[in-house]
Amino acid sequence: MERQIKLIWDFRGPDSNKTAEHHEIHLKDFIKTEALDMLNITGVERISDIHSLAFWVVPESDMKKFRDILKPHRATVYT
Protein backbone atom coordinates (compact mmCIF):
# COMPACT_ATOMS: atom_id res chain seq x y z
CA MET A 1 0.00 0.00 0.00
CA GLU A 2 1.30 3.44 -0.94
CA ARG A 3 2.20 5.86 1.83
CA GLN A 4 -0.05 8.87 2.33
CA ILE A 5 1.46 12.33 2.75
CA LYS A 6 -0.17 15.11 4.75
CA LEU A 7 0.42 18.49 3.10
CA ILE A 8 0.24 21.22 5.76
CA TRP A 9 -0.40 24.96 5.69
CA ASP A 10 0.33 26.75 8.99
CA PHE A 11 -1.50 29.89 10.09
CA ARG A 12 -0.57 32.01 13.08
CA GLY A 13 -2.22 34.84 14.95
CA PRO A 14 -5.51 35.41 16.77
CA ASP A 15 -7.53 34.59 13.62
CA SER A 16 -5.48 31.54 12.68
CA ASN A 17 -8.33 29.05 13.12
CA LYS A 18 -10.71 31.03 10.91
CA THR A 19 -7.97 31.41 8.30
CA ALA A 20 -7.25 27.66 8.36
CA GLU A 21 -10.96 26.88 8.00
CA HIS A 22 -11.15 29.25 5.04
CA HIS A 23 -8.08 27.66 3.47
CA GLU A 24 -9.70 24.24 3.77
CA ILE A 25 -12.62 25.56 1.68
CA HIS A 26 -10.14 26.46 -1.07
CA LEU A 27 -8.54 23.01 -0.83
CA LYS A 28 -11.96 21.37 -1.24
CA ASP A 29 -12.72 23.65 -4.20
CA PHE A 30 -9.41 22.63 -5.81
CA ILE A 31 -10.22 18.94 -5.27
CA LYS A 32 -13.66 19.42 -6.85
CA THR A 33 -12.39 21.53 -9.78
CA GLU A 34 -9.65 19.03 -10.59
CA ALA A 35 -12.07 16.06 -10.21
CA LEU A 36 -9.93 14.50 -7.48
CA ASP A 37 -12.81 13.11 -5.43
CA MET A 38 -10.75 10.10 -4.36
CA LEU A 39 -8.31 12.48 -2.63
CA ASN A 40 -10.73 14.10 -0.22
CA ILE A 41 -9.09 13.86 3.20
CA THR A 42 -8.80 17.46 4.37
CA GLY A 43 -9.08 19.11 7.74
CA VAL A 44 -8.18 21.80 10.21
CA GLU A 45 -6.26 21.35 13.46
CA ARG A 46 -6.10 23.95 16.21
CA ILE A 47 -2.67 23.74 17.81
CA SER A 48 -3.11 26.70 20.19
CA ASP A 49 -5.01 29.99 20.40
CA ILE A 50 -2.56 31.51 17.92
CA HIS A 51 -1.60 28.54 15.70
CA SER A 52 -3.85 26.45 13.46
CA LEU A 53 -3.25 24.45 10.34
CA ALA A 54 -5.12 23.21 7.31
CA PHE A 55 -4.14 19.92 5.69
CA TRP A 56 -4.75 17.68 2.71
CA VAL A 57 -3.73 14.02 2.52
CA VAL A 58 -2.44 12.82 -0.86
CA PRO A 59 -0.72 9.65 -2.13
CA GLU A 60 3.06 9.90 -2.05
CA SER A 61 3.21 9.43 -5.84
CA ASP A 62 1.17 12.65 -6.31
CA MET A 63 2.84 14.67 -3.57
CA LYS A 64 5.39 16.52 -5.74
CA LYS A 65 2.75 17.56 -8.27
CA PHE A 66 0.44 19.04 -5.63
CA ARG A 67 3.35 20.48 -3.63
CA ASP A 68 4.52 22.44 -6.66
CA ILE A 69 1.01 23.71 -7.45
CA LEU A 70 -0.26 24.54 -3.94
CA LYS A 71 2.97 25.37 -2.06
CA PRO A 72 2.30 23.86 1.38
CA HIS A 73 4.51 25.03 4.24
CA ARG A 74 5.49 21.50 5.18
CA ALA A 75 4.49 17.85 4.93
CA THR A 76 4.58 14.68 6.97
CA VAL A 77 3.67 11.02 6.58
CA TYR A 78 -0.03 10.54 7.38
CA THR A 79 -0.85 7.81 9.89
C-alpha atoms as a PDB file:
ATOM      1  CA  MET A   1       0.000   0.000   0.000  1.00  0.00           C
ATOM      2  CA  GLU A   2       1.305   3.438  -0.935  1.00  0.00           C
ATOM      3  CA  ARG A   3       2.197   5.864   1.834  1.00  0.00           C
ATOM      4  CA  GLN A   4      -0.046   8.866   2.335  1.00  0.00           C
ATOM      5  CA  ILE A   5       1.455  12.335   2.748  1.00  0.00           C
ATOM      6  CA  LYS A   6      -0.174  15.113   4.751  1.00  0.00           C
ATOM      7  CA  LEU A   7       0.423  18.495   3.098  1.00  0.00           C
ATOM      8  CA  ILE A   8       0.238  21.220   5.760  1.00  0.00           C
ATOM      9  CA  TRP A   9      -0.395  24.962   5.685  1.00  0.00           C
ATOM     10  CA  ASP A  10       0.335  26.748   8.987  1.00  0.00           C
ATOM     11  CA  PHE A  11      -1.500  29.891  10.086  1.00  0.00           C
ATOM     12  CA  ARG A  12      -0.566  32.010  13.081  1.00  0.00           C
ATOM     13  CA  GLY A  13      -2.223  34.842  14.952  1.00  0.00           C
ATOM     14  CA  PRO A  14      -5.506  35.411  16.769  1.00  0.00           C
ATOM     15  CA  ASP A  15      -7.530  34.589  13.616  1.00  0.00           C
ATOM     16  CA  SER A  16      -5.480  31.539  12.675  1.00  0.00           C
ATOM     17  CA  ASN A  17      -8.327  29.047  13.124  1.00  0.00           C
ATOM     18  CA  LYS A  18     -10.709  31.033  10.912  1.00  0.00           C
ATOM     19  CA  THR A  19      -7.969  31.405   8.300  1.00  0.00           C
ATOM     20  CA  ALA A  20      -7.248  27.660   8.363  1.00  0.00           C
ATOM     21  CA  GLU A  21     -10.960  26.883   8.004  1.00  0.00           C
ATOM     22  CA  HIS A  22     -11.152  29.251   5.039  1.00  0.00           C
ATOM     23  CA  HIS A  23      -8.076  27.664   3.468  1.00  0.00           C
ATOM     24  CA  GLU A  24      -9.705  24.241   3.767  1.00  0.00           C
ATOM     25  CA  ILE A  25     -12.616  25.564   1.683  1.00  0.00           C
ATOM     26  CA  HIS A  26     -10.138  26.464  -1.066  1.00  0.00           C
ATOM     27  CA  LEU A  27      -8.542  23.014  -0.829  1.00  0.00           C
ATOM     28  CA  LYS A  28     -11.963  21.371  -1.240  1.00  0.00           C
ATOM     29  CA  ASP A  29     -12.717  23.651  -4.201  1.00  0.00           C
ATOM     30  CA  PHE A  30      -9.412  22.626  -5.806  1.00  0.00           C
ATOM     31  CA  ILE A  31     -10.219  18.938  -5.275  1.00  0.00           C
ATOM     32  CA  LYS A  32     -13.658  19.415  -6.850  1.00  0.00           C
ATOM     33  CA  THR A  33     -12.391  21.525  -9.777  1.00  0.00           C
ATOM     34  CA  GLU A  34      -9.648  19.028 -10.586  1.00  0.00           C
ATOM     35  CA  ALA A  35     -12.069  16.059 -10.214  1.00  0.00           C
ATOM     36  CA  LEU A  36      -9.934  14.502  -7.478  1.00  0.00           C
ATOM     37  CA  ASP A  37     -12.808  13.110  -5.434  1.00  0.00           C
ATOM     38  CA  MET A  38     -10.752  10.099  -4.361  1.00  0.00           C
ATOM     39  CA  LEU A  39      -8.314  12.482  -2.629  1.00  0.00           C
ATOM     40  CA  ASN A  40     -10.725  14.099  -0.221  1.00  0.00           C
ATOM     41  CA  ILE A  41      -9.093  13.859   3.204  1.00  0.00           C
ATOM     42  CA  THR A  42      -8.805  17.461   4.374  1.00  0.00           C
ATOM     43  CA  GLY A  43      -9.083  19.114   7.740  1.00  0.00           C
ATOM     44  CA  VAL A  44      -8.176  21.797  10.212  1.00  0.00           C
ATOM     45  CA  GLU A  45      -6.262  21.348  13.464  1.00  0.00           C
ATOM     46  CA  ARG A  46      -6.102  23.948  16.210  1.00  0.00           C
ATOM     47  CA  ILE A  47      -2.668  23.737  17.808  1.00  0.00           C
ATOM     48  CA  SER A  48      -3.112  26.699  20.189  1.00  0.00           C
ATOM     49  CA  ASP A  49      -5.006  29.989  20.397  1.00  0.00           C
ATOM     50  CA  ILE A  50      -2.560  31.508  17.919  1.00  0.00           C
ATOM     51  CA  HIS A  51      -1.600  28.537  15.704  1.00  0.00           C
ATOM     52  CA  SER A  52      -3.851  26.450  13.460  1.00  0.00           C
ATOM     53  CA  LEU A  53      -3.247  24.448  10.337  1.00  0.00           C
ATOM     54  CA  ALA A  54      -5.122  23.205   7.312  1.00  0.00           C
ATOM     55  CA  PHE A  55      -4.135  19.918   5.687  1.00  0.00           C
ATOM     56  CA  TRP A  56      -4.754  17.685   2.709  1.00  0.00           C
ATOM     57  CA  VAL A  57      -3.725  14.019   2.524  1.00  0.00           C
ATOM     58  CA  VAL A  58      -2.436  12.817  -0.860  1.00  0.00           C
ATOM     59  CA  PRO A  59      -0.723   9.649  -2.130  1.00  0.00           C
ATOM     60  CA  GLU A  60       3.064   9.900  -2.050  1.00  0.00           C
ATOM     61  CA  SER A  61       3.210   9.430  -5.837  1.00  0.00           C
ATOM     62  CA  ASP A  62       1.165  12.650  -6.309  1.00  0.00           C
ATOM     63  CA  MET A  63       2.842  14.673  -3.567  1.00  0.00           C
ATOM     64  CA  LYS A  64       5.386  16.521  -5.736  1.00  0.00           C
ATOM     65  CA  LYS A  65       2.750  17.564  -8.266  1.00  0.00           C
ATOM     66  CA  PHE A  66       0.441  19.044  -5.631  1.00  0.00           C
ATOM     67  CA  ARG A  67       3.354  20.477  -3.629  1.00  0.00           C
ATOM     68  CA  ASP A  68       4.518  22.437  -6.664  1.00  0.00           C
ATOM     69  CA  ILE A  69       1.005  23.708  -7.454  1.00  0.00           C
ATOM     70  CA  LEU A  70      -0.255  24.535  -3.943  1.00  0.00           C
ATOM     71  CA  LYS A  71       2.974  25.372  -2.065  1.00  0.00           C
ATOM     72  CA  PRO A  72       2.296  23.856   1.382  1.00  0.00           C
ATOM     73  CA  HIS A  73       4.505  25.035   4.235  1.00  0.00           C
ATOM     74  CA  ARG A  74       5.495  21.498   5.180  1.00  0.00           C
ATOM     75  CA  ALA A  75       4.491  17.854   4.930  1.00  0.00           C
ATOM     76  CA  THR A  76       4.580  14.679   6.972  1.00  0.00           C
ATOM     77  CA  VAL A  77       3.668  11.024   6.575  1.00  0.00           C
ATOM     78  CA  TYR A  78      -0.026  10.541   7.385  1.00  0.00           C
ATOM     79  CA  THR A  79      -0.852   7.811   9.889  1.00  0.00           C
END
